[in-house]
Amino acid sequence: MLYAIYGEDVPNSLDQRLAARPAHLARLNELQSNGRLILAGPFPSIDSPDPGPAGFSGSLIVAEFESLPAAQAWAAADPYVAAGVYASVSVKPFKRVLPT
């Protein structure tokens, strides 16, 4: 099943994000290599594809996992969690409708 993982950043998280980004991307690339990643990306803090020093306010990942507990465990082990980037993380089942 698909699950949406939403991480909401702490204020001024850009430095922590940049430091943990290589490890965070490595995990996402592993999901992608296994054909389980639907989409992933950050929410810019301002209305710009490159927010510069304004940074990001959070991230969204939609991926396939065996169960909600498996998705929650994967999210809890994210390098952004360990680095203190996220103030909170929520994981919810997701039903893909479009595109088919």
PDB file of N, CA and C in Angstrom:
ATOM      1  N   MET A   1       0.843  -1.179   0.000  1.00  0.00           N
ATOM      2  CA  MET A   1       0.000   0.000   0.000  1.00  0.00           C
ATOM      3  C   MET A   1       0.886   1.240   0.000  1.00  0.00           C
ATOM      4  N   LEU A   2       0.321   2.329  -0.487  1.00  0.00           N
ATOM      5  CA  LEU A   2       1.039   3.597  -0.478  1.00  0.00           C
ATOM      6  C   LEU A   2       0.793   4.338   0.833  1.00  0.00           C
ATOM      7  N   TYR A   3       1.820   5.101   1.232  1.00  0.00           N
ATOM      8  CA  TYR A   3       1.741   5.919   2.439  1.00  0.00           C
ATOM      9  C   TYR A   3       2.341   7.292   2.150  1.00  0.00           C
ATOM     10  N   ALA A   4       1.705   8.323   2.700  1.00  0.00           N
ATOM     11  CA  ALA A   4       2.213   9.690   2.604  1.00  0.00           C
ATOM     12  C   ALA A   4       2.924  10.009   3.909  1.00  0.00           C
ATOM     13  N   ILE A   5       4.148  10.443   3.785  1.00  0.00           N
ATOM     14  CA  ILE A   5       4.957  10.830   4.939  1.00  0.00           C
ATOM     15  C   ILE A   5       5.175  12.330   4.845  1.00  0.00           C
ATOM     16  N   TYR A   6       4.699  13.040   5.861  1.00  0.00           N
ATOM     17  CA  TYR A   6       4.828  14.497   5.885  1.00  0.00           C
ATOM     18  C   TYR A   6       5.679  14.891   7.087  1.00  0.00           C
ATOM     19  N   GLY A   7       6.810  15.515   6.800  1.00  0.00           N
ATOM     20  CA  GLY A   7       7.664  16.026   7.860  1.00  0.00           C
ATOM     21  C   GLY A   7       7.574  17.539   7.881  1.00  0.00           C
ATOM     22  N   GLU A   8       7.273  18.082   9.034  1.00  0.00           N
ATOM     23  CA  GLU A   8       7.215  19.540   9.190  1.00  0.00           C
ATOM     24  C   GLU A   8       8.490  20.000   9.873  1.00  0.00           C
ATOM     25  N   ASP A   9       9.181  20.945   9.240  1.00  0.00           N
ATOM     26  CA  ASP A   9      10.470  21.406   9.738  1.00  0.00           C
ATOM     27  C   ASP A   9      10.356  22.270  10.987  1.00  0.00           C
ATOM     28  N   VAL A  10      11.422  22.235  11.781  1.00  0.00           N
ATOM     29  CA  VAL A  10      11.592  23.214  12.852  1.00  0.00           C
ATOM     30  C   VAL A  10      11.937  24.538  12.180  1.00  0.00           C
ATOM     31  N   PRO A  11      11.757  25.666  12.854  1.00  0.00           N
ATOM     32  CA  PRO A  11      12.175  26.944  12.257  1.00  0.00           C
ATOM     33  C   PRO A  11      13.676  26.948  11.971  1.00  0.00           C
ATOM     34  N   ASN A  12      14.048  27.598  10.899  1.00  0.00           N
ATOM     35  CA  ASN A  12      15.457  27.782  10.531  1.00  0.00           C
ATOM     36  C   ASN A  12      16.218  26.463  10.411  1.00  0.00           C
ATOM     37  N   SER A  13      15.638  25.526   9.675  1.00  0.00           N
ATOM     38  CA  SER A  13      16.197  24.176   9.563  1.00  0.00           C
ATOM     39  C   SER A  13      17.222  24.010   8.440  1.00  0.00           C
ATOM     40  N   LEU A  14      17.479  25.043   7.675  1.00  0.00           N
ATOM     41  CA  LEU A  14      18.275  24.890   6.455  1.00  0.00           C
ATOM     42  C   LEU A  14      19.653  24.272   6.702  1.00  0.00           C
ATOM     43  N   ASP A  15      20.366  24.716   7.712  1.00  0.00           N
ATOM     44  CA  ASP A  15      21.706  24.166   7.962  1.00  0.00           C
ATOM     45  C   ASP A  15      21.646  22.681   8.300  1.00  0.00           C
ATOM     46  N   GLN A  16      20.675  22.288   9.140  1.00  0.00           N
ATOM     47  CA  GLN A  16      20.529  20.869   9.483  1.00  0.00           C
ATOM     48  C   GLN A  16      20.146  20.058   8.246  1.00  0.00           C
ATOM     49  N   ARG A  17      19.253  20.610   7.418  1.00  0.00           N
ATOM     50  CA  ARG A  17      18.836  19.934   6.175  1.00  0.00           C
ATOM     51  C   ARG A  17      20.035  19.674   5.280  1.00  0.00           C
ATOM     52  N   LEU A  18      20.820  20.705   5.055  1.00  0.00           N
ATOM     53  CA  LEU A  18      21.965  20.569   4.160  1.00  0.00           C
ATOM     54  C   LEU A  18      22.954  19.523   4.669  1.00  0.00           C
ATOM     55  N   ALA A  19      23.166  19.481   5.968  1.00  0.00           N
ATOM     56  CA  ALA A  19      24.106  18.511   6.544  1.00  0.00           C
ATOM     57  C   ALA A  19      23.597  17.075   6.402  1.00  0.00           C
ATOM     58  N   ALA A  20      22.301  16.863   6.571  1.00  0.00           N
ATOM     59  CA  ALA A  20      21.732  15.509   6.538  1.00  0.00           C
ATOM     60  C   ALA A  20      21.236  15.093   5.161  1.00  0.00           C
ATOM     61  N   ARG A  21      21.237  16.004   4.203  1.00  0.00           N
ATOM     62  CA  ARG A  21      20.644  15.741   2.889  1.00  0.00           C
ATOM     63  C   ARG A  21      21.245  14.537   2.157  1.00  0.00           C
ATOM     64  N   PRO A  22      22.576  14.365   2.111  1.00  0.00           N
ATOM     65  CA  PRO A  22      23.102  13.200   1.383  1.00  0.00           C
ATOM     66  C   PRO A  22      22.562  11.862   1.918  1.00  0.00           C
ATOM     67  N   ALA A  23      22.500  11.707   3.225  1.00  0.00           N
ATOM     68  CA  ALA A  23      21.981  10.460   3.805  1.00  0.00           C
ATOM     69  C   ALA A  23      20.481  10.330   3.555  1.00  0.00           C
ATOM     70  N   HIS A  24      19.755  11.436   3.633  1.00  0.00           N
ATOM     71  CA  HIS A  24      18.313  11.441   3.362  1.00  0.00           C
ATOM     72  C   HIS A  24      18.054  11.015   1.918  1.00  0.00           C
ATOM     73  N   LEU A  25      18.784  11.592   0.974  1.00  0.00           N
ATOM     74  CA  LEU A  25      18.616  11.249  -0.438  1.00  0.00           C
ATOM     75  C   LEU A  25      19.019   9.809  -0.732  1.00  0.00           C
ATOM     76  N   ALA A  26      20.008   9.298  -0.038  1.00  0.00           N
ATOM     77  CA  ALA A  26      20.425   7.907  -0.244  1.00  0.00           C
ATOM     78  C   ALA A  26      19.284   6.950   0.080  1.00  0.00           C
ATOM     79  N   ARG A  27      18.549   7.224   1.143  1.00  0.00           N
ATOM     80  CA  ARG A  27      17.403   6.369   1.498  1.00  0.00           C
ATOM     81  C   ARG A  27      16.301   6.483   0.458  1.00  0.00           C
ATOM     82  N   LEU A  28      16.062   7.698  -0.037  1.00  0.00           N
ATOM     83  CA  LEU A  28      15.041   7.878  -1.072  1.00  0.00           C
ATOM     84  C   LEU A  28      15.460   7.181  -2.368  1.00  0.00           C
ATOM     85  N   ASN A  29      16.735   7.266  -2.712  1.00  0.00           N
ATOM     86  CA  ASN A  29      17.222   6.584  -3.909  1.00  0.00           C
ATOM     87  C   ASN A  29      17.070   5.071  -3.789  1.00  0.00           C
ATOM     88  N   GLU A  30      17.229   4.543  -2.593  1.00  0.00           N
ATOM     89  CA  GLU A  30      17.026   3.105  -2.375  1.00  0.00           C
ATOM     90  C   GLU A  30      15.560   2.730  -2.622  1.00  0.00           C
ATOM     91  N   LEU A  31      14.634   3.543  -2.098  1.00  0.00           N
ATOM     92  CA  LEU A  31      13.213   3.298  -2.373  1.00  0.00           C
ATOM     93  C   LEU A  31      12.948   3.342  -3.876  1.00  0.00           C
ATOM     94  N   GLN A  32      13.532   4.326  -4.545  1.00  0.00           N
ATOM     95  CA  GLN A  32      13.330   4.468  -5.985  1.00  0.00           C
ATOM     96  C   GLN A  32      13.899   3.261  -6.729  1.00  0.00           C
ATOM     97  N   SER A  33      15.068   2.811  -6.356  1.00  0.00           N
ATOM     98  CA  SER A  33      15.682   1.648  -7.004  1.00  0.00           C
ATOM     99  C   SER A  33      14.829   0.396  -6.858  1.00  0.00           C
ATOM    100  N   ASN A  34      14.108   0.323  -5.756  1.00  0.00           N
ATOM    101  CA  ASN A  34      13.234  -0.822  -5.501  1.00  0.00           C
ATOM    102  C   ASN A  34      11.846  -0.634  -6.095  1.00  0.00           C
ATOM    103  N   GLY A  35      11.634   0.471  -6.825  1.00  0.00           N
ATOM    104  CA  GLY A  35      10.344   0.718  -7.460  1.00  0.00           C
ATOM    105  C   GLY A  35       9.228   1.079  -6.494  1.00  0.00           C
ATOM    106  N   ARG A  36       9.583   1.586  -5.317  1.00  0.00           N
ATOM    107  CA  ARG A  36       8.586   1.873  -4.281  1.00  0.00           C
ATOM    108  C   ARG A  36       8.309   3.360  -4.083  1.00  0.00           C
ATOM    109  N   LEU A  37       9.112   4.226  -4.687  1.00  0.00           N
ATOM    110  CA  LEU A  37       8.953   5.669  -4.495  1.00  0.00           C
ATOM    111  C   LEU A  37       8.047   6.245  -5.578  1.00  0.00           C
ATOM    112  N   ILE A  38       6.993   6.943  -5.162  1.00  0.00           N
ATOM    113  CA  ILE A  38       6.076   7.610  -6.093  1.00  0.00           C
ATOM    114  C   ILE A  38       6.524   9.048  -6.304  1.00  0.00           C
ATOM    115  N   LEU A  39       6.790   9.764  -5.218  1.00  0.00           N
ATOM    116  CA  LEU A  39       7.295  11.137  -5.300  1.00  0.00           C
ATOM    117  C   LEU A  39       7.895  11.538  -3.975  1.00  0.00           C
ATOM    118  N   ALA A  40       8.762  12.527  -4.040  1.00  0.00           N
ATOM    119  CA  ALA A  40       9.391  13.051  -2.833  1.00  0.00           C
ATOM    120  C   ALA A  40       9.903  14.452  -3.116  1.00  0.00           C
ATOM    121  N   GLY A  41       9.808  15.311  -2.127  1.00  0.00           N
ATOM    122  CA  GLY A  41      10.352  16.651  -2.277  1.00  0.00           C
ATOM    123  C   GLY A  41      10.002  17.540  -1.112  1.00  0.00           C
ATOM    124  N   PRO A  42      10.689  18.683  -1.034  1.00  0.00           N
ATOM    125  CA  PRO A  42      10.465  19.635   0.045  1.00  0.00           C
ATOM    126  C   PRO A  42       9.441  20.706  -0.328  1.00  0.00           C
ATOM    127  N   PHE A  43       8.951  21.379   0.689  1.00  0.00           N
ATOM    128  CA  PHE A  43       8.070  22.537   0.531  1.00  0.00           C
ATOM    129  C   PHE A  43       8.907  23.798   0.745  1.00  0.00           C
ATOM    130  N   PRO A  44       9.164  24.586  -0.308  1.00  0.00           N
ATOM    131  CA  PRO A  44       9.907  25.836  -0.114  1.00  0.00           C
ATOM    132  C   PRO A  44       9.143  26.769   0.844  1.00  0.00           C
ATOM    133  N   SER A  45       9.888  27.471   1.671  1.00  0.00           N
ATOM    134  CA  SER A  45       9.263  28.393   2.626  1.00  0.00           C
ATOM    135  C   SER A  45       8.679  29.631   1.963  1.00  0.00           C
ATOM    136  N   ILE A  46       9.137  29.919   0.742  1.00  0.00           N
ATOM    137  CA  ILE A  46       8.604  31.044  -0.022  1.00  0.00           C
ATOM    138  C   ILE A  46       8.171  30.529  -1.392  1.00  0.00           C
ATOM    139  N   ASP A  47       7.441  31.322  -2.110  1.00  0.00           N
ATOM    140  CA  ASP A  47       6.909  30.934  -3.415  1.00  0.00           C
ATOM    141  C   ASP A  47       7.994  31.013  -4.480  1.00  0.00           C
ATOM    142  N   SER A  48       8.913  30.037  -4.428  1.00  0.00           N
ATOM    143  CA  SER A  48      10.034  30.000  -5.358  1.00  0.00           C
ATOM    144  C   SER A  48      10.580  28.579  -5.417  1.00  0.00           C
ATOM    145  N   PRO A  49      10.962  28.102  -6.609  1.00  0.00           N
ATOM    146  CA  PRO A  49      11.561  26.774  -6.680  1.00  0.00           C
ATOM    147  C   PRO A  49      12.937  26.716  -6.008  1.00  0.00           C
ATOM    148  N   ASP A  50      13.584  27.863  -5.858  1.00  0.00           N
ATOM    149  CA  ASP A  50      14.869  27.951  -5.161  1.00  0.00           C
ATOM    150  C   ASP A  50      14.737  29.012  -4.073  1.00  0.00           C
ATOM    151  N   PRO A  51      14.342  28.600  -2.855  1.00  0.00           N
ATOM    152  CA  PRO A  51      14.076  29.586  -1.812  1.00  0.00           C
ATOM    153  C   PRO A  51      15.317  30.201  -1.173  1.00  0.00           C
ATOM    154  N   GLY A  52      16.501  29.725  -1.561  1.00  0.00           N
ATOM    155  CA  GLY A  52      17.723  30.288  -1.001  1.00  0.00           C
ATOM    156  C   GLY A  52      17.740  30.193   0.513  1.00  0.00           C
ATOM    157  N   PRO A  53      18.162  31.253   1.192  1.00  0.00           N
ATOM    158  CA  PRO A  53      18.282  31.194   2.652  1.00  0.00           C
ATOM    159  C   PRO A  53      16.949  31.073   3.382  1.00  0.00           C
ATOM    160  N   ALA A  54      15.819  31.301   2.689  1.00  0.00           N
ATOM    161  CA  ALA A  54      14.513  31.116   3.335  1.00  0.00           C
ATOM    162  C   ALA A  54      14.286  29.652   3.679  1.00  0.00           C
ATOM    163  N   GLY A  55      14.926  28.755   2.931  1.00  0.00           N
ATOM    164  CA  GLY A  55      14.860  27.335   3.243  1.00  0.00           C
ATOM    165  C   GLY A  55      13.528  26.688   2.931  1.00  0.00           C
ATOM    166  N   PHE A  56      13.213  25.679   3.716  1.00  0.00           N
ATOM    167  CA  PHE A  56      12.038  24.847   3.480  1.00  0.00           C
ATOM    168  C   PHE A  56      11.226  24.697   4.752  1.00  0.00           C
ATOM    169  N   SER A  57       9.938  24.414   4.580  1.00  0.00           N
ATOM    170  CA  SER A  57       9.050  24.274   5.739  1.00  0.00           C
ATOM    171  C   SER A  57       8.691  22.828   6.036  1.00  0.00           C
ATOM    172  N   GLY A  58       9.085  21.913   5.165  1.00  0.00           N
ATOM    173  CA  GLY A  58       8.782  20.504   5.379  1.00  0.00           C
ATOM    174  C   GLY A  58       9.027  19.696   4.132  1.00  0.00           C
ATOM    175  N   SER A  59       8.630  18.433   4.179  1.00  0.00           N
ATOM    176  CA  SER A  59       8.836  17.512   3.063  1.00  0.00           C
ATOM    177  C   SER A  59       7.654  16.571   2.933  1.00  0.00           C
ATOM    178  N   LEU A  60       7.455  16.071   1.711  1.00  0.00           N
ATOM    179  CA  LEU A  60       6.440  15.062   1.440  1.00  0.00           C
ATOM    180  C   LEU A  60       7.078  13.907   0.692  1.00  0.00           C
ATOM    181  N   ILE A  61       6.794  12.695   1.158  1.00  0.00           N
ATOM    182  CA  ILE A  61       7.236  11.477   0.498  1.00  0.00           C
ATOM    183  C   ILE A  61       6.003  10.599   0.341  1.00  0.00           C
ATOM    184  N   VAL A  62       5.782  10.078  -0.853  1.00  0.00           N
ATOM    185  CA  VAL A  62       4.739   9.083  -1.073  1.00  0.00           C
ATOM    186  C   VAL A  62       5.448   7.842  -1.597  1.00  0.00           C
ATOM    187  N   ALA A  63       5.302   6.743  -0.856  1.00  0.00           N
ATOM    188  CA  ALA A  63       6.017   5.520  -1.211  1.00  0.00           C
ATOM    189  C   ALA A  63       5.223   4.299  -0.767  1.00  0.00           C
ATOM    190  N   GLU A  64       5.623   3.164  -1.307  1.00  0.00           N
ATOM    191  CA  GLU A  64       4.963   1.899  -0.991  1.00  0.00           C
ATOM    192  C   GLU A  64       5.690   1.204   0.159  1.00  0.00           C
ATOM    193  N   PHE A  65       4.904   0.745   1.122  1.00  0.00           N
ATOM    194  CA  PHE A  65       5.423  -0.024   2.246  1.00  0.00           C
ATOM    195  C   PHE A  65       4.478  -1.194   2.513  1.00  0.00           C
ATOM    196  N   GLU A  66       4.954  -2.181   3.238  1.00  0.00           N
ATOM    197  CA  GLU A  66       4.152  -3.369   3.545  1.00  0.00           C
ATOM    198  C   GLU A  66       2.970  -3.051   4.458  1.00  0.00           C
ATOM    199  N   SER A  67       3.146  -2.064   5.327  1.00  0.00           N
ATOM    200  CA  SER A  67       2.119  -1.764   6.327  1.00  0.00           C
ATOM    201  C   SER A  67       2.359  -0.373   6.895  1.00  0.00           C
ATOM    202  N   LEU A  68       1.373   0.131   7.626  1.00  0.00           N
ATOM    203  CA  LEU A  68       1.532   1.418   8.297  1.00  0.00           C
ATOM    204  C   LEU A  68       2.687   1.372   9.297  1.00  0.00           C
ATOM    205  N   PRO A  69       2.801   0.334  10.134  1.00  0.00           N
ATOM    206  CA  PRO A  69       3.953   0.295  11.041  1.00  0.00           C
ATOM    207  C   PRO A  69       5.300   0.291  10.302  1.00  0.00           C
ATOM    208  N   ALA A  70       5.372  -0.360   9.148  1.00  0.00           N
ATOM    209  CA  ALA A  70       6.621  -0.364   8.375  1.00  0.00           C
ATOM    210  C   ALA A  70       6.928   1.037   7.858  1.00  0.00           C
ATOM    211  N   ALA A  71       5.911   1.745   7.382  1.00  0.00           N
ATOM    212  CA  ALA A  71       6.106   3.117   6.905  1.00  0.00           C
ATOM    213  C   ALA A  71       6.504   4.037   8.054  1.00  0.00           C
ATOM    214  N   GLN A  72       5.884   3.860   9.207  1.00  0.00           N
ATOM    215  CA  GLN A  72       6.213   4.678  10.375  1.00  0.00           C
ATOM    216  C   GLN A  72       7.646   4.423  10.833  1.00  0.00           C
ATOM    217  N   ALA A  73       8.064   3.163  10.817  1.00  0.00           N
ATOM    218  CA  ALA A  73       9.433   2.831  11.226  1.00  0.00           C
ATOM    219  C   ALA A  73      10.443   3.422  10.254  1.00  0.00           C
ATOM    220  N   TRP A  74      10.138   3.351   8.952  1.00  0.00           N
ATOM    221  CA  TRP A  74      11.034   3.924   7.950  1.00  0.00           C
ATOM    222  C   TRP A  74      11.154   5.430   8.167  1.00  0.00           C
ATOM    223  N   ALA A  75      10.025   6.100   8.381  1.00  0.00           N
ATOM    224  CA  ALA A  75      10.023   7.546   8.586  1.00  0.00           C
ATOM    225  C   ALA A  75      10.786   7.929   9.848  1.00  0.00           C
ATOM    226  N   ALA A  76      10.630   7.155  10.904  1.00  0.00           N
ATOM    227  CA  ALA A  76      11.300   7.455  12.175  1.00  0.00           C
ATOM    228  C   ALA A  76      12.816   7.342  12.053  1.00  0.00           C
ATOM    229  N   ALA A  77      13.296   6.530  11.105  1.00  0.00           N
ATOM    230  CA  ALA A  77      14.730   6.330  10.928  1.00  0.00           C
ATOM    231  C   ALA A  77      15.348   7.303   9.922  1.00  0.00           C
ATOM    232  N   ASP A  78      14.571   8.259   9.441  1.00  0.00           N
ATOM    233  CA  ASP A  78      15.082   9.198   8.445  1.00  0.00           C
ATOM    234  C   ASP A  78      16.181  10.072   9.041  1.00  0.00           C
ATOM    235  N   PRO A  79      17.247  10.326   8.290  1.00  0.00           N
ATOM    236  CA  PRO A  79      18.311  11.200   8.781  1.00  0.00           C
ATOM    237  C   PRO A  79      17.841  12.606   9.162  1.00  0.00           C
ATOM    238  N   TYR A  80      16.781  13.096   8.543  1.00  0.00           N
ATOM    239  CA  TYR A  80      16.263  14.409   8.935  1.00  0.00           C
ATOM    240  C   TYR A  80      15.676  14.368  10.343  1.00  0.00           C
ATOM    241  N   VAL A  81      15.143  13.247  10.754  1.00  0.00           N
ATOM    242  CA  VAL A  81      14.644  13.103  12.128  1.00  0.00           C
ATOM    243  C   VAL A  81      15.836  13.157  13.085  1.00  0.00           C
ATOM    244  N   ALA A  82      16.855  12.351  12.807  1.00  0.00           N
ATOM    245  CA  ALA A  82      18.038  12.297  13.670  1.00  0.00           C
ATOM    246  C   ALA A  82      18.751  13.646  13.751  1.00  0.00           C
ATOM    247  N   ALA A  83      18.727  14.408  12.649  1.00  0.00           N
ATOM    248  CA  ALA A  83      19.419  15.699  12.608  1.00  0.00           C
ATOM    249  C   ALA A  83      18.598  16.837  13.205  1.00  0.00           C
ATOM    250  N   GLY A  84      17.368  16.562  13.615  1.00  0.00           N
ATOM    251  CA  GLY A  84      16.531  17.604  14.209  1.00  0.00           C
ATOM    252  C   GLY A  84      15.899  18.537  13.194  1.00  0.00           C
ATOM    253  N   VAL A  85      15.824  18.116  11.927  1.00  0.00           N
ATOM    254  CA  VAL A  85      15.195  18.945  10.898  1.00  0.00           C
ATOM    255  C   VAL A  85      13.691  19.017  11.116  1.00  0.00           C
ATOM    256  N   TYR A  86      13.084  17.884  11.427  1.00  0.00           N
ATOM    257  CA  TYR A  86      11.626  17.816  11.557  1.00  0.00           C
ATOM    258  C   TYR A  86      11.162  18.066  12.984  1.00  0.00           C
ATOM    259  N   ALA A  87      10.181  18.939  13.126  1.00  0.00           N
ATOM    260  CA  ALA A  87       9.509  19.147  14.404  1.00  0.00           C
ATOM    261  C   ALA A  87       8.500  18.031  14.635  1.00  0.00           C
ATOM    262  N   SER A  88       7.908  17.545  13.527  1.00  0.00           N
ATOM    263  CA  SER A  88       6.935  16.449  13.616  1.00  0.00           C
ATOM    264  C   SER A  88       6.898  15.704  12.291  1.00  0.00           C
ATOM    265  N   VAL A  89       6.482  14.449  12.370  1.00  0.00           N
ATOM    266  CA  VAL A  89       6.341  13.606  11.184  1.00  0.00           C
ATOM    267  C   VAL A  89       5.023  12.864  11.303  1.00  0.00           C
ATOM    268  N   SER A  90       4.224  12.908  10.237  1.00  0.00           N
ATOM    269  CA  SER A  90       2.988  12.120  10.220  1.00  0.00           C
ATOM    270  C   SER A  90       3.040  11.158   9.041  1.00  0.00           C
ATOM    271  N   VAL A  91       2.452  10.004   9.227  1.00  0.00           N
ATOM    272  CA  VAL A  91       2.408   8.968   8.200  1.00  0.00           C
ATOM    273  C   VAL A  91       0.962   8.515   8.077  1.00  0.00           C
ATOM    274  N   LYS A  92       0.442   8.565   6.846  1.00  0.00           N
ATOM    275  CA  LYS A  92      -0.950   8.190   6.614  1.00  0.00           C
ATOM    276  C   LYS A  92      -1.053   7.321   5.374  1.00  0.00           C
ATOM    277  N   PRO A  93      -1.993   6.377   5.375  1.00  0.00           N
ATOM    278  CA  PRO A  93      -2.256   5.626   4.152  1.00  0.00           C
ATOM    279  C   PRO A  93      -2.674   6.594   3.040  1.00  0.00           C
ATOM    280  N   PHE A  94      -2.292   6.264   1.819  1.00  0.00           N
ATOM    281  CA  PHE A  94      -2.545   7.128   0.678  1.00  0.00           C
ATOM    282  C   PHE A  94      -3.112   6.295  -0.465  1.00  0.00           C
ATOM    283  N   LYS A  95      -4.210   6.759  -1.047  1.00  0.00           N
ATOM    284  CA  LYS A  95      -4.804   6.072  -2.193  1.00  0.00           C
ATOM    285  C   LYS A  95      -4.541   6.897  -3.448  1.00  0.00           C
ATOM    286  N   ARG A  96      -3.759   6.352  -4.339  1.00  0.00           N
ATOM    287  CA  ARG A  96      -3.458   7.037  -5.593  1.00  0.00           C
ATOM    288  C   ARG A  96      -4.637   6.877  -6.547  1.00  0.00           C
ATOM    289  N   VAL A  97      -5.113   8.005  -7.091  1.00  0.00           N
ATOM    290  CA  VAL A  97      -6.209   7.992  -8.063  1.00  0.00           C
ATOM    291  C   VAL A  97      -5.673   8.377  -9.438  1.00  0.00           C
ATOM    292  N   LEU A  98      -4.915   9.465  -9.505  1.00  0.00           N
ATOM    293  CA  LEU A  98      -4.341   9.930 -10.756  1.00  0.00           C
ATOM    294  C   LEU A  98      -2.902  10.345 -10.538  1.00  0.00           C
ATOM    295  N   PRO A  99      -2.057  10.271 -11.496  1.00  0.00           N
ATOM    296  CA  PRO A  99      -2.310   9.643 -12.792  1.00  0.00           C
ATOM    297  C   PRO A  99      -2.353   8.129 -12.645  1.00  0.00           C
ATOM    298  N   THR A 100      -2.991   7.492 -13.604  1.00  0.00           N
ATOM    299  CA  THR A 100      -3.108   6.039 -13.559  1.00  0.00           C
ATOM    300  C   THR A 100      -1.971   5.407 -14.311  1.00  0.00           C
TER     301      THR A 100
END
